[in-house]
PDB file of all heavy atoms in Angstrom:
ATOM      1  N   LYS A   1     137.039  50.033  94.260  1.00  0.00           N
ATOM      2  CA  LYS A   1     135.845  49.522  94.929  1.00  0.00           C
ATOM      3  C   LYS A   1     134.787  49.131  93.898  1.00  0.00           C
ATOM      4  O   LYS A   1     134.524  49.884  92.961  1.00  0.00           O
ATOM      5  CB  LYS A   1     135.277  50.561  95.897  1.00  0.00           C
ATOM      6  CG  LYS A   1     136.204  50.893  97.053  1.00  0.00           C
ATOM      7  CD  LYS A   1     135.553  51.865  98.022  1.00  0.00           C
ATOM      8  CE  LYS A   1     136.459  52.143  99.206  1.00  0.00           C
ATOM      9  NZ  LYS A   1     135.845  53.063 100.198  1.00  0.00           N
ATOM     10  N   ILE A   2     134.233  47.952  94.090  1.00  0.00           N
ATOM     11  CA  ILE A   2     133.217  47.427  93.176  1.00  0.00           C
ATOM     12  C   ILE A   2     132.094  46.819  94.011  1.00  0.00           C
ATOM     13  O   ILE A   2     132.353  46.082  94.961  1.00  0.00           O
ATOM     14  CB  ILE A   2     133.799  46.358  92.234  1.00  0.00           C
ATOM     15  CG1 ILE A   2     134.992  46.920  91.451  1.00  0.00           C
ATOM     16  CG2 ILE A   2     132.728  45.831  91.277  1.00  0.00           C
ATOM     17  CD1 ILE A   2     135.747  45.884  90.640  1.00  0.00           C
ATOM     18  N   ALA A   3     130.859  47.120  93.657  1.00  0.00           N
ATOM     19  CA  ALA A   3     129.719  46.503  94.345  1.00  0.00           C
ATOM     20  C   ALA A   3     129.586  45.056  93.889  1.00  0.00           C
ATOM     21  O   ALA A   3     129.688  44.758  92.690  1.00  0.00           O
ATOM     22  CB  ALA A   3     128.436  47.274  94.049  1.00  0.00           C
ATOM     23  N   THR A   4     129.347  44.147  94.829  1.00  0.00           N
ATOM     24  CA  THR A   4     129.242  42.734  94.464  1.00  0.00           C
ATOM     25  C   THR A   4     128.054  42.474  93.536  1.00  0.00           C
ATOM     26  O   THR A   4     128.081  41.522  92.759  1.00  0.00           O
ATOM     27  CB  THR A   4     129.141  41.850  95.720  1.00  0.00           C
ATOM     28  OG1 THR A   4     128.105  42.330  96.575  1.00  0.00           O
ATOM     29  CG2 THR A   4     130.451  41.858  96.484  1.00  0.00           C
ATOM     30  N   ARG A   5     127.022  43.308  93.585  1.00  0.00           N
ATOM     31  CA  ARG A   5     125.897  43.136  92.646  1.00  0.00           C
ATOM     32  C   ARG A   5     126.342  43.394  91.205  1.00  0.00           C
ATOM     33  O   ARG A   5     125.862  42.758  90.263  1.00  0.00           O
ATOM     34  CB  ARG A   5     124.727  44.060  93.017  1.00  0.00           C
ATOM     35  CG  ARG A   5     125.055  45.538  92.942  1.00  0.00           C
ATOM     36  CD  ARG A   5     123.891  46.411  93.360  1.00  0.00           C
ATOM     37  NE  ARG A   5     124.277  47.800  93.442  1.00  0.00           N
ATOM     38  CZ  ARG A   5     123.661  48.789  92.800  1.00  0.00           C
ATOM     39  NH1 ARG A   5     122.632  48.548  92.020  1.00  0.00           N
ATOM     40  NH2 ARG A   5     124.063  50.035  92.944  1.00  0.00           N
ATOM     41  N   GLN A   6     127.281  44.337  91.027  1.00  0.00           N
ATOM     42  CA  GLN A   6     127.810  44.611  89.691  1.00  0.00           C
ATOM     43  C   GLN A   6     128.613  43.409  89.184  1.00  0.00           C
ATOM     44  O   GLN A   6     128.475  42.991  88.032  1.00  0.00           O
ATOM     45  CB  GLN A   6     128.702  45.858  89.723  1.00  0.00           C
ATOM     46  CG  GLN A   6     129.308  46.246  88.380  1.00  0.00           C
ATOM     47  CD  GLN A   6     128.273  46.719  87.374  1.00  0.00           C
ATOM     48  OE1 GLN A   6     127.308  47.392  87.732  1.00  0.00           O
ATOM     49  NE2 GLN A   6     128.458  46.373  86.106  1.00  0.00           N
ATOM     50  N   SER A   7     129.432  42.859  90.058  1.00  0.00           N
ATOM     51  CA  SER A   7     130.227  41.678  89.700  1.00  0.00           C
ATOM     52  C   SER A   7     129.304  40.529  89.324  1.00  0.00           C
ATOM     53  O   SER A   7     129.570  39.788  88.367  1.00  0.00           O
ATOM     54  CB  SER A   7     131.109  41.263  90.880  1.00  0.00           C
ATOM     55  OG  SER A   7     131.823  42.366  91.385  1.00  0.00           O
ATOM     56  N   TYR A   8     128.230  40.380  90.078  1.00  0.00           N
ATOM     57  CA  TYR A   8     127.246  39.327  89.803  1.00  0.00           C
ATOM     58  C   TYR A   8     126.672  39.463  88.392  1.00  0.00           C
ATOM     59  O   TYR A   8     126.647  38.495  87.617  1.00  0.00           O
ATOM     60  CB  TYR A   8     126.126  39.399  90.847  1.00  0.00           C
ATOM     61  CG  TYR A   8     124.878  38.626  90.486  1.00  0.00           C
ATOM     62  CD1 TYR A   8     124.917  37.255  90.290  1.00  0.00           C
ATOM     63  CD2 TYR A   8     123.651  39.283  90.353  1.00  0.00           C
ATOM     64  CE1 TYR A   8     123.765  36.542  89.962  1.00  0.00           C
ATOM     65  CE2 TYR A   8     122.501  38.581  90.029  1.00  0.00           C
ATOM     66  CZ  TYR A   8     122.559  37.219  89.831  1.00  0.00           C
ATOM     67  OH  TYR A   8     121.421  36.514  89.502  1.00  0.00           O
ATOM     68  N   GLY A   9     126.225  40.643  88.048  1.00  0.00           N
ATOM     69  CA  GLY A   9     125.629  40.848  86.729  1.00  0.00           C
ATOM     70  C   GLY A   9     126.590  40.554  85.596  1.00  0.00           C
ATOM     71  O   GLY A   9     126.219  39.932  84.590  1.00  0.00           O
ATOM     72  N   GLU A  10     127.840  40.956  85.782  1.00  0.00           N
ATOM     73  CA  GLU A  10     128.835  40.756  84.726  1.00  0.00           C
ATOM     74  C   GLU A  10     129.178  39.288  84.531  1.00  0.00           C
ATOM     75  O   GLU A  10     129.227  38.793  83.401  1.00  0.00           O
ATOM     76  CB  GLU A  10     130.093  41.565  85.056  1.00  0.00           C
ATOM     77  CG  GLU A  10     129.869  43.074  84.952  1.00  0.00           C
ATOM     78  CD  GLU A  10     131.065  43.884  85.416  1.00  0.00           C
ATOM     79  OE1 GLU A  10     132.096  43.258  85.792  1.00  0.00           O
ATOM     80  OE2 GLU A  10     130.991  45.121  85.406  1.00  0.00           O
ATOM     81  N   VAL A  11     129.434  38.576  85.635  1.00  0.00           N
ATOM     82  CA  VAL A  11     129.834  37.170  85.505  1.00  0.00           C
ATOM     83  C   VAL A  11     128.654  36.307  85.077  1.00  0.00           C
ATOM     84  O   VAL A  11     128.826  35.300  84.378  1.00  0.00           O
ATOM     85  CB  VAL A  11     130.464  36.649  86.809  1.00  0.00           C
ATOM     86  CG1 VAL A  11     129.437  36.418  87.897  1.00  0.00           C
ATOM     87  CG2 VAL A  11     131.240  35.362  86.554  1.00  0.00           C
ATOM     88  N   LEU A  12     127.444  36.700  85.434  1.00  0.00           N
ATOM     89  CA  LEU A  12     126.265  35.953  85.012  1.00  0.00           C
ATOM     90  C   LEU A  12     126.137  35.965  83.486  1.00  0.00           C
ATOM     91  O   LEU A  12     125.833  34.939  82.864  1.00  0.00           O
ATOM     92  CB  LEU A  12     125.014  36.556  85.663  1.00  0.00           C
ATOM     93  CG  LEU A  12     123.714  35.775  85.541  1.00  0.00           C
ATOM     94  CD1 LEU A  12     123.832  34.402  86.186  1.00  0.00           C
ATOM     95  CD2 LEU A  12     122.576  36.561  86.199  1.00  0.00           C
ATOM     96  N   ALA A  13     126.398  37.113  82.895  1.00  0.00           N
ATOM     97  CA  ALA A  13     126.354  37.208  81.435  1.00  0.00           C
ATOM     98  C   ALA A  13     127.460  36.362  80.800  1.00  0.00           C
ATOM     99  O   ALA A  13     127.260  35.734  79.754  1.00  0.00           O
ATOM    100  CB  ALA A  13     126.484  38.669  81.006  1.00  0.00           C
ATOM    101  N   GLU A  14     128.615  36.324  81.443  1.00  0.00           N
ATOM    102  CA  GLU A  14     129.711  35.490  80.934  1.00  0.00           C
ATOM    103  C   GLU A  14     129.350  34.012  81.014  1.00  0.00           C
ATOM    104  O   GLU A  14     129.635  33.240  80.083  1.00  0.00           O
ATOM    105  CB  GLU A  14     130.985  35.764  81.747  1.00  0.00           C
ATOM    106  CG  GLU A  14     131.553  37.160  81.546  1.00  0.00           C
ATOM    107  CD  GLU A  14     132.640  37.493  82.546  1.00  0.00           C
ATOM    108  OE1 GLU A  14     133.107  36.566  83.262  1.00  0.00           O
ATOM    109  OE2 GLU A  14     133.029  38.676  82.635  1.00  0.00           O
ATOM    110  N   LEU A  15     128.712  33.621  82.110  1.00  0.00           N
ATOM    111  CA  LEU A  15     128.293  32.224  82.265  1.00  0.00           C
ATOM    112  C   LEU A  15     127.240  31.849  81.232  1.00  0.00           C
ATOM    113  O   LEU A  15     127.192  30.712  80.762  1.00  0.00           O
ATOM    114  CB  LEU A  15     127.732  31.991  83.674  1.00  0.00           C
ATOM    115  CG  LEU A  15     128.731  31.860  84.813  1.00  0.00           C
ATOM    116  CD1 LEU A  15     128.001  31.676  86.132  1.00  0.00           C
ATOM    117  CD2 LEU A  15     129.671  30.694  84.579  1.00  0.00           C
ATOM    118  N   GLY A  16     126.401  32.815  80.890  1.00  0.00           N
ATOM    119  CA  GLY A  16     125.360  32.573  79.895  1.00  0.00           C
ATOM    120  C   GLY A  16     125.920  32.173  78.547  1.00  0.00           C
ATOM    121  O   GLY A  16     125.303  31.400  77.803  1.00  0.00           O
ATOM    122  N   GLU A  17     127.111  32.684  78.233  1.00  0.00           N
ATOM    123  CA  GLU A  17     127.764  32.330  76.972  1.00  0.00           C
ATOM    124  C   GLU A  17     128.285  30.893  76.998  1.00  0.00           C
ATOM    125  O   GLU A  17     128.301  30.210  75.978  1.00  0.00           O
ATOM    126  CB  GLU A  17     128.925  33.298  76.702  1.00  0.00           C
ATOM    127  CG  GLU A  17     128.468  34.727  76.433  1.00  0.00           C
ATOM    128  CD  GLU A  17     129.641  35.666  76.227  1.00  0.00           C
ATOM    129  OE1 GLU A  17     130.798  35.220  76.422  1.00  0.00           O
ATOM    130  OE2 GLU A  17     129.415  36.831  75.879  1.00  0.00           O
ATOM    131  N   LYS A  18     128.701  30.436  78.188  1.00  0.00           N
ATOM    132  CA  LYS A  18     129.270  29.099  78.320  1.00  0.00           C
ATOM    133  C   LYS A  18     128.208  28.017  78.496  1.00  0.00           C
ATOM    134  O   LYS A  18     128.422  26.865  78.132  1.00  0.00           O
ATOM    135  CB  LYS A  18     130.209  29.055  79.535  1.00  0.00           C
ATOM    136  CG  LYS A  18     131.364  30.033  79.484  1.00  0.00           C
ATOM    137  CD  LYS A  18     132.140  29.984  80.805  1.00  0.00           C
ATOM    138  CE  LYS A  18     133.200  31.056  80.882  1.00  0.00           C
ATOM    139  NZ  LYS A  18     133.872  31.075  82.206  1.00  0.00           N
ATOM    140  N   ASN A  19     127.098  28.395  79.083  1.00  0.00           N
ATOM    141  CA  ASN A  19     126.089  27.398  79.461  1.00  0.00           C
ATOM    142  C   ASN A  19     124.696  27.841  79.009  1.00  0.00           C
ATOM    143  O   ASN A  19     124.093  28.734  79.597  1.00  0.00           O
ATOM    144  CB  ASN A  19     126.120  27.188  80.982  1.00  0.00           C
ATOM    145  CG  ASN A  19     125.213  26.059  81.448  1.00  0.00           C
ATOM    146  OD1 ASN A  19     124.431  25.511  80.676  1.00  0.00           O
ATOM    147  ND2 ASN A  19     125.305  25.718  82.713  1.00  0.00           N
ATOM    148  N   GLU A  20     124.195  27.213  77.978  1.00  0.00           N
ATOM    149  CA  GLU A  20     122.881  27.570  77.440  1.00  0.00           C
ATOM    150  C   GLU A  20     121.741  27.132  78.351  1.00  0.00           C
ATOM    151  O   GLU A  20     120.586  27.514  78.146  1.00  0.00           O
ATOM    152  CB  GLU A  20     122.692  26.941  76.051  1.00  0.00           C
ATOM    153  CG  GLU A  20     123.637  27.502  75.006  1.00  0.00           C
ATOM    154  CD  GLU A  20     123.402  26.877  73.642  1.00  0.00           C
ATOM    155  OE1 GLU A  20     122.553  25.978  73.535  1.00  0.00           O
ATOM    156  OE2 GLU A  20     124.085  27.307  72.685  1.00  0.00           O
ATOM    157  N   ASN A  21     122.063  26.354  79.371  1.00  0.00           N
ATOM    158  CA  ASN A  21     121.061  25.861  80.306  1.00  0.00           C
ATOM    159  C   ASN A  21     120.667  26.919  81.345  1.00  0.00           C
ATOM    160  O   ASN A  21     119.654  26.781  82.034  1.00  0.00           O
ATOM    161  CB  ASN A  21     121.599  24.630  81.040  1.00  0.00           C
ATOM    162  CG  ASN A  21     120.550  23.565  81.225  1.00  0.00           C
ATOM    163  OD1 ASN A  21     119.672  23.395  80.390  1.00  0.00           O
ATOM    164  ND2 ASN A  21     120.625  22.860  82.338  1.00  0.00           N
ATOM    165  N   ILE A  22     121.483  27.965  81.452  1.00  0.00           N
ATOM    166  CA  ILE A  22     121.220  29.005  82.445  1.00  0.00           C
ATOM    167  C   ILE A  22     120.130  29.947  81.954  1.00  0.00           C
ATOM    168  O   ILE A  22     120.183  30.462  80.837  1.00  0.00           O
ATOM    169  CB  ILE A  22     122.498  29.796  82.761  1.00  0.00           C
ATOM    170  CG1 ILE A  22     123.475  28.910  83.543  1.00  0.00           C
ATOM    171  CG2 ILE A  22     122.188  31.067  83.553  1.00  0.00           C
ATOM    172  CD1 ILE A  22     124.818  29.561  83.813  1.00  0.00           C
ATOM    173  N   VAL A  23     119.137  30.168  82.825  1.00  0.00           N
ATOM    174  CA  VAL A  23     118.100  31.168  82.588  1.00  0.00           C
ATOM    175  C   VAL A  23     118.072  32.103  83.787  1.00  0.00           C
ATOM    176  O   VAL A  23     118.477  31.732  84.885  1.00  0.00           O
ATOM    177  CB  VAL A  23     116.707  30.533  82.363  1.00  0.00           C
ATOM    178  CG1 VAL A  23     116.676  29.726  81.076  1.00  0.00           C
ATOM    179  CG2 VAL A  23     116.308  29.662  83.552  1.00  0.00           C
ATOM    180  N   VAL A  24     117.603  33.317  83.578  1.00  0.00           N
ATOM    181  CA  VAL A  24     117.625  34.325  84.640  1.00  0.00           C
ATOM    182  C   VAL A  24     116.240  34.933  84.803  1.00  0.00           C
ATOM    183  O   VAL A  24     115.555  35.230  83.817  1.00  0.00           O
ATOM    184  CB  VAL A  24     118.672  35.425  84.333  1.00  0.00           C
ATOM    185  CG1 VAL A  24     118.607  36.542  85.365  1.00  0.00           C
ATOM    186  CG2 VAL A  24     120.076  34.822  84.292  1.00  0.00           C
ATOM    187  N   LEU A  25     115.839  35.100  86.055  1.00  0.00           N
ATOM    188  CA  LEU A  25     114.550  35.712  86.371  1.00  0.00           C
ATOM    189  C   LEU A  25     114.789  36.910  87.290  1.00  0.00           C
ATOM    190  O   LEU A  25     115.692  36.896  88.131  1.00  0.00           O
ATOM    191  CB  LEU A  25     113.622  34.727  87.081  1.00  0.00           C
ATOM    192  CG  LEU A  25     113.277  33.416  86.378  1.00  0.00           C
ATOM    193  CD1 LEU A  25     114.322  32.340  86.673  1.00  0.00           C
ATOM    194  CD2 LEU A  25     111.906  32.925  86.804  1.00  0.00           C
ATOM    195  N   ASP A  26     113.961  37.939  87.124  1.00  0.00           N
ATOM    196  CA  ASP A  26     114.051  39.102  87.993  1.00  0.00           C
ATOM    197  C   ASP A  26     112.649  39.628  88.278  1.00  0.00           C
ATOM    198  O   ASP A  26     111.709  39.327  87.539  1.00  0.00           O
ATOM    199  CB  ASP A  26     114.918  40.201  87.361  1.00  0.00           C
ATOM    200  CG  ASP A  26     115.570  41.084  88.409  1.00  0.00           C
ATOM    201  OD1 ASP A  26     114.832  41.792  89.134  1.00  0.00           O
ATOM    202  OD2 ASP A  26     116.804  41.093  88.508  1.00  0.00           O
ATOM    203  N   ALA A  27     112.545  40.415  89.361  1.00  0.00           N
ATOM    204  CA  ALA A  27     111.233  40.917  89.788  1.00  0.00           C
ATOM    205  C   ALA A  27     111.201  42.441  89.698  1.00  0.00           C
ATOM    206  O   ALA A  27     111.120  43.141  90.714  1.00  0.00           O
ATOM    207  CB  ALA A  27     110.926  40.439  91.201  1.00  0.00           C
ATOM    208  N   ASP A  28     111.331  42.944  88.476  1.00  0.00           N
ATOM    209  CA  ASP A  28     111.200  44.371  88.185  1.00  0.00           C
ATOM    210  C   ASP A  28     112.337  45.219  88.759  1.00  0.00           C
ATOM    211  O   ASP A  28     112.168  46.410  88.994  1.00  0.00           O
ATOM    212  CB  ASP A  28     109.850  44.896  88.704  1.00  0.00           C
ATOM    213  CG  ASP A  28     109.446  46.207  88.025  1.00  0.00           C
ATOM    214  OD1 ASP A  28     109.652  46.337  86.812  1.00  0.00           O
ATOM    215  OD2 ASP A  28     108.927  47.100  88.729  1.00  0.00           O
ATOM    216  N   LEU A  29     113.501  44.590  88.992  1.00  0.00           N
ATOM    217  CA  LEU A  29     114.625  45.338  89.559  1.00  0.00           C
ATOM    218  C   LEU A  29     115.927  45.033  88.820  1.00  0.00           C
ATOM    219  O   LEU A  29     117.014  45.127  89.398  1.00  0.00           O
ATOM    220  CB  LEU A  29     114.783  44.998  91.049  1.00  0.00           C
ATOM    221  CG  LEU A  29     113.717  45.572  91.981  1.00  0.00           C
ATOM    222  CD1 LEU A  29     113.793  44.928  93.361  1.00  0.00           C
ATOM    223  CD2 LEU A  29     113.847  47.085  92.100  1.00  0.00           C
ATOM    224  N   SER A  30     115.836  44.665  87.573  1.00  0.00           N
ATOM    225  CA  SER A  30     117.022  44.183  86.857  1.00  0.00           C
ATOM    226  C   SER A  30     118.103  45.250  86.697  1.00  0.00           C
ATOM    227  O   SER A  30     119.297  44.918  86.631  1.00  0.00           O
ATOM    228  CB  SER A  30     116.635  43.619  85.488  1.00  0.00           C
ATOM    229  OG  SER A  30     116.061  44.621  84.682  1.00  0.00           O
ATOM    230  N   GLU A  31     117.719  46.527  86.638  1.00  0.00           N
ATOM    231  CA  GLU A  31     118.731  47.577  86.550  1.00  0.00           C
ATOM    232  C   GLU A  31     119.523  47.668  87.852  1.00  0.00           C
ATOM    233  O   GLU A  31     120.722  47.966  87.851  1.00  0.00           O
ATOM    234  CB  GLU A  31     118.071  48.927  86.246  1.00  0.00           C
ATOM    235  CG  GLU A  31     117.470  49.034  84.855  1.00  0.00           C
ATOM    236  CD  GLU A  31     118.520  49.034  83.749  1.00  0.00           C
ATOM    237  OE1 GLU A  31     119.658  49.498  83.998  1.00  0.00           O
ATOM    238  OE2 GLU A  31     118.204  48.568  82.635  1.00  0.00           O
ATOM    239  N   ALA A  32     118.862  47.408  88.965  1.00  0.00           N
ATOM    240  CA  ALA A  32     119.516  47.478  90.278  1.00  0.00           C
ATOM    241  C   ALA A  32     120.278  46.198  90.603  1.00  0.00           C
ATOM    242  O   ALA A  32     121.369  46.241  91.182  1.00  0.00           O
ATOM    243  CB  ALA A  32     118.490  47.766  91.364  1.00  0.00           C
ATOM    244  N   THR A  33     119.716  45.049  90.259  1.00  0.00           N
ATOM    245  CA  THR A  33     120.391  43.781  90.553  1.00  0.00           C
ATOM    246  C   THR A  33     121.461  43.452  89.527  1.00  0.00           C
ATOM    247  O   THR A  33     122.241  42.515  89.709  1.00  0.00           O
ATOM    248  CB  THR A  33     119.387  42.619  90.580  1.00  0.00           C
ATOM    249  OG1 THR A  33     118.812  42.465  89.272  1.00  0.00           O
ATOM    250  CG2 THR A  33     118.280  42.852  91.603  1.00  0.00           C
ATOM    251  N   LYS A  34     121.455  44.178  88.421  1.00  0.00           N
ATOM    252  CA  LYS A  34     122.403  44.031  87.311  1.00  0.00           C
ATOM    253  C   LYS A  34     122.168  42.779  86.455  1.00  0.00           C
ATOM    254  O   LYS A  34     123.018  42.425  85.636  1.00  0.00           O
ATOM    255  CB  LYS A  34     123.863  44.067  87.805  1.00  0.00           C
ATOM    256  CG  LYS A  34     124.214  45.356  88.539  1.00  0.00           C
ATOM    257  CD  LYS A  34     123.938  46.599  87.706  1.00  0.00           C
ATOM    258  CE  LYS A  34     124.196  47.876  88.480  1.00  0.00           C
ATOM    259  NZ  LYS A  34     123.853  49.083  87.686  1.00  0.00           N
ATOM    260  N   THR A  35     121.014  42.136  86.613  1.00  0.00           N
ATOM    261  CA  THR A  35     120.674  41.056  85.689  1.00  0.00           C
ATOM    262  C   THR A  35     120.345  41.619  84.307  1.00  0.00           C
ATOM    263  O   THR A  35     120.243  40.868  83.336  1.00  0.00           O
ATOM    264  CB  THR A  35     119.478  40.233  86.194  1.00  0.00           C
ATOM    265  OG1 THR A  35     118.344  41.089  86.344  1.00  0.00           O
ATOM    266  CG2 THR A  35     119.793  39.545  87.518  1.00  0.00           C
ATOM    267  N   CYS A  36     120.202  42.937  84.209  1.00  0.00           N
ATOM    268  CA  CYS A  36     119.963  43.586  82.919  1.00  0.00           C
ATOM    269  C   CYS A  36     121.094  43.305  81.932  1.00  0.00           C
ATOM    270  O   CYS A  36     120.889  43.306  80.715  1.00  0.00           O
ATOM    271  CB  CYS A  36     119.767  45.082  83.101  1.00  0.00           C
ATOM    272  SG  CYS A  36     121.175  45.914  83.898  1.00  0.00           S
ATOM    273  N   ILE A  37     122.293  43.055  82.453  1.00  0.00           N
ATOM    274  CA  ILE A  37     123.435  42.753  81.581  1.00  0.00           C
ATOM    275  C   ILE A  37     123.185  41.433  80.858  1.00  0.00           C
ATOM    276  O   ILE A  37     123.417  41.323  79.642  1.00  0.00           O
ATOM    277  CB  ILE A  37     124.742  42.692  82.407  1.00  0.00           C
ATOM    278  CG1 ILE A  37     124.966  44.017  83.145  1.00  0.00           C
ATOM    279  CG2 ILE A  37     125.931  42.369  81.511  1.00  0.00           C
ATOM    280  CD1 ILE A  37     126.116  43.982  84.159  1.00  0.00           C
ATOM    281  N   PHE A  38     122.699  40.440  81.596  1.00  0.00           N
ATOM    282  CA  PHE A  38     122.334  39.153  81.002  1.00  0.00           C
ATOM    283  C   PHE A  38     121.167  39.330  80.040  1.00  0.00           C
ATOM    284  O   PHE A  38     121.157  38.759  78.931  1.00  0.00           O
ATOM    285  CB  PHE A  38     121.967  38.164  82.110  1.00  0.00           C
ATOM    286  CG  PHE A  38     121.667  36.769  81.626  1.00  0.00           C
ATOM    287  CD1 PHE A  38     122.640  35.783  81.657  1.00  0.00           C
ATOM    288  CD2 PHE A  38     120.404  36.431  81.140  1.00  0.00           C
ATOM    289  CE1 PHE A  38     122.372  34.489  81.212  1.00  0.00           C
ATOM    290  CE2 PHE A  38     120.119  35.145  80.703  1.00  0.00           C
ATOM    291  CZ  PHE A  38     121.103  34.170  80.734  1.00  0.00           C
ATOM    292  N   ALA A  39     120.180  40.115  80.431  1.00  0.00           N
ATOM    293  CA  ALA A  39     118.969  40.302  79.627  1.00  0.00           C
ATOM    294  C   ALA A  39     119.282  40.883  78.250  1.00  0.00           C
ATOM    295  O   ALA A  39     118.659  40.498  77.248  1.00  0.00           O
ATOM    296  CB  ALA A  39     117.991  41.207  80.367  1.00  0.00           C
ATOM    297  N   LYS A  40     120.233  41.790  78.194  1.00  0.00           N
ATOM    298  CA  LYS A  40     120.598  42.406  76.912  1.00  0.00           C
ATOM    299  C   LYS A  40     121.279  41.404  75.983  1.00  0.00           C
ATOM    300  O   LYS A  40     121.101  41.442  74.762  1.00  0.00           O
ATOM    301  CB  LYS A  40     121.509  43.607  77.152  1.00  0.00           C
ATOM    302  CG  LYS A  40     120.773  44.798  77.751  1.00  0.00           C
ATOM    303  CD  LYS A  40     121.729  45.910  78.158  1.00  0.00           C
ATOM    304  CE  LYS A  40     120.978  47.037  78.856  1.00  0.00           C
ATOM    305  NZ  LYS A  40     121.885  48.073  79.389  1.00  0.00           N
ATOM    306  N   LYS A  41     122.042  40.484  76.567  1.00  0.00           N
ATOM    307  CA  LYS A  41     122.756  39.487  75.771  1.00  0.00           C
ATOM    308  C   LYS A  41     121.867  38.322  75.368  1.00  0.00           C
ATOM    309  O   LYS A  41     121.968  37.793  74.260  1.00  0.00           O
ATOM    310  CB  LYS A  41     123.960  38.954  76.558  1.00  0.00           C
ATOM    311  CG  LYS A  41     125.206  39.785  76.450  1.00  0.00           C
ATOM    312  CD  LYS A  41     126.396  39.003  77.014  1.00  0.00           C
ATOM    313  CE  LYS A  41     127.692  39.725  76.692  1.00  0.00           C
ATOM    314  NZ  LYS A  41     128.873  38.948  77.135  1.00  0.00           N
ATOM    315  N   PHE A  42     120.970  37.926  76.289  1.00  0.00           N
ATOM    316  CA  PHE A  42     120.158  36.721  76.079  1.00  0.00           C
ATOM    317  C   PHE A  42     118.691  36.999  76.414  1.00  0.00           C
ATOM    318  O   PHE A  42     118.149  36.466  77.385  1.00  0.00           O
ATOM    319  CB  PHE A  42     120.687  35.566  76.944  1.00  0.00           C
ATOM    320  CG  PHE A  42     122.163  35.320  76.812  1.00  0.00           C
ATOM    321  CD1 PHE A  42     123.042  35.737  77.811  1.00  0.00           C
ATOM    322  CD2 PHE A  42     122.682  34.691  75.696  1.00  0.00           C
ATOM    323  CE1 PHE A  42     124.408  35.533  77.687  1.00  0.00           C
ATOM    324  CE2 PHE A  42     124.050  34.473  75.571  1.00  0.00           C
ATOM    325  CZ  PHE A  42     124.915  34.891  76.567  1.00  0.00           C
ATOM    326  N   PRO A  43     118.037  37.840  75.625  1.00  0.00           N
ATOM    327  CA  PRO A  43     116.652  38.211  75.942  1.00  0.00           C
ATOM    328  C   PRO A  43     115.690  37.027  75.947  1.00  0.00           C
ATOM    329  O   PRO A  43     114.690  37.042  76.671  1.00  0.00           O
ATOM    330  CB  PRO A  43     116.293  39.212  74.829  1.00  0.00           C
ATOM    331  CG  PRO A  43     117.285  38.958  73.734  1.00  0.00           C
ATOM    332  CD  PRO A  43     118.523  38.512  74.407  1.00  0.00           C
TER     333      PRO A  43
END
C-alpha cells in the first residue's frame, strides 16, 4: 500500500530532472504533500 501523495512527491522530483521548466510551489505543507522531495533536489 502506497499513498498517492507519496507517489506524487517522488515522480515530481524525477520530472524535475528531465524538465528544467518545472517549478513547484507549496503552502507550508511540503512535508505532508511530499513536495519536500522536489525541494531538497531543486531548492
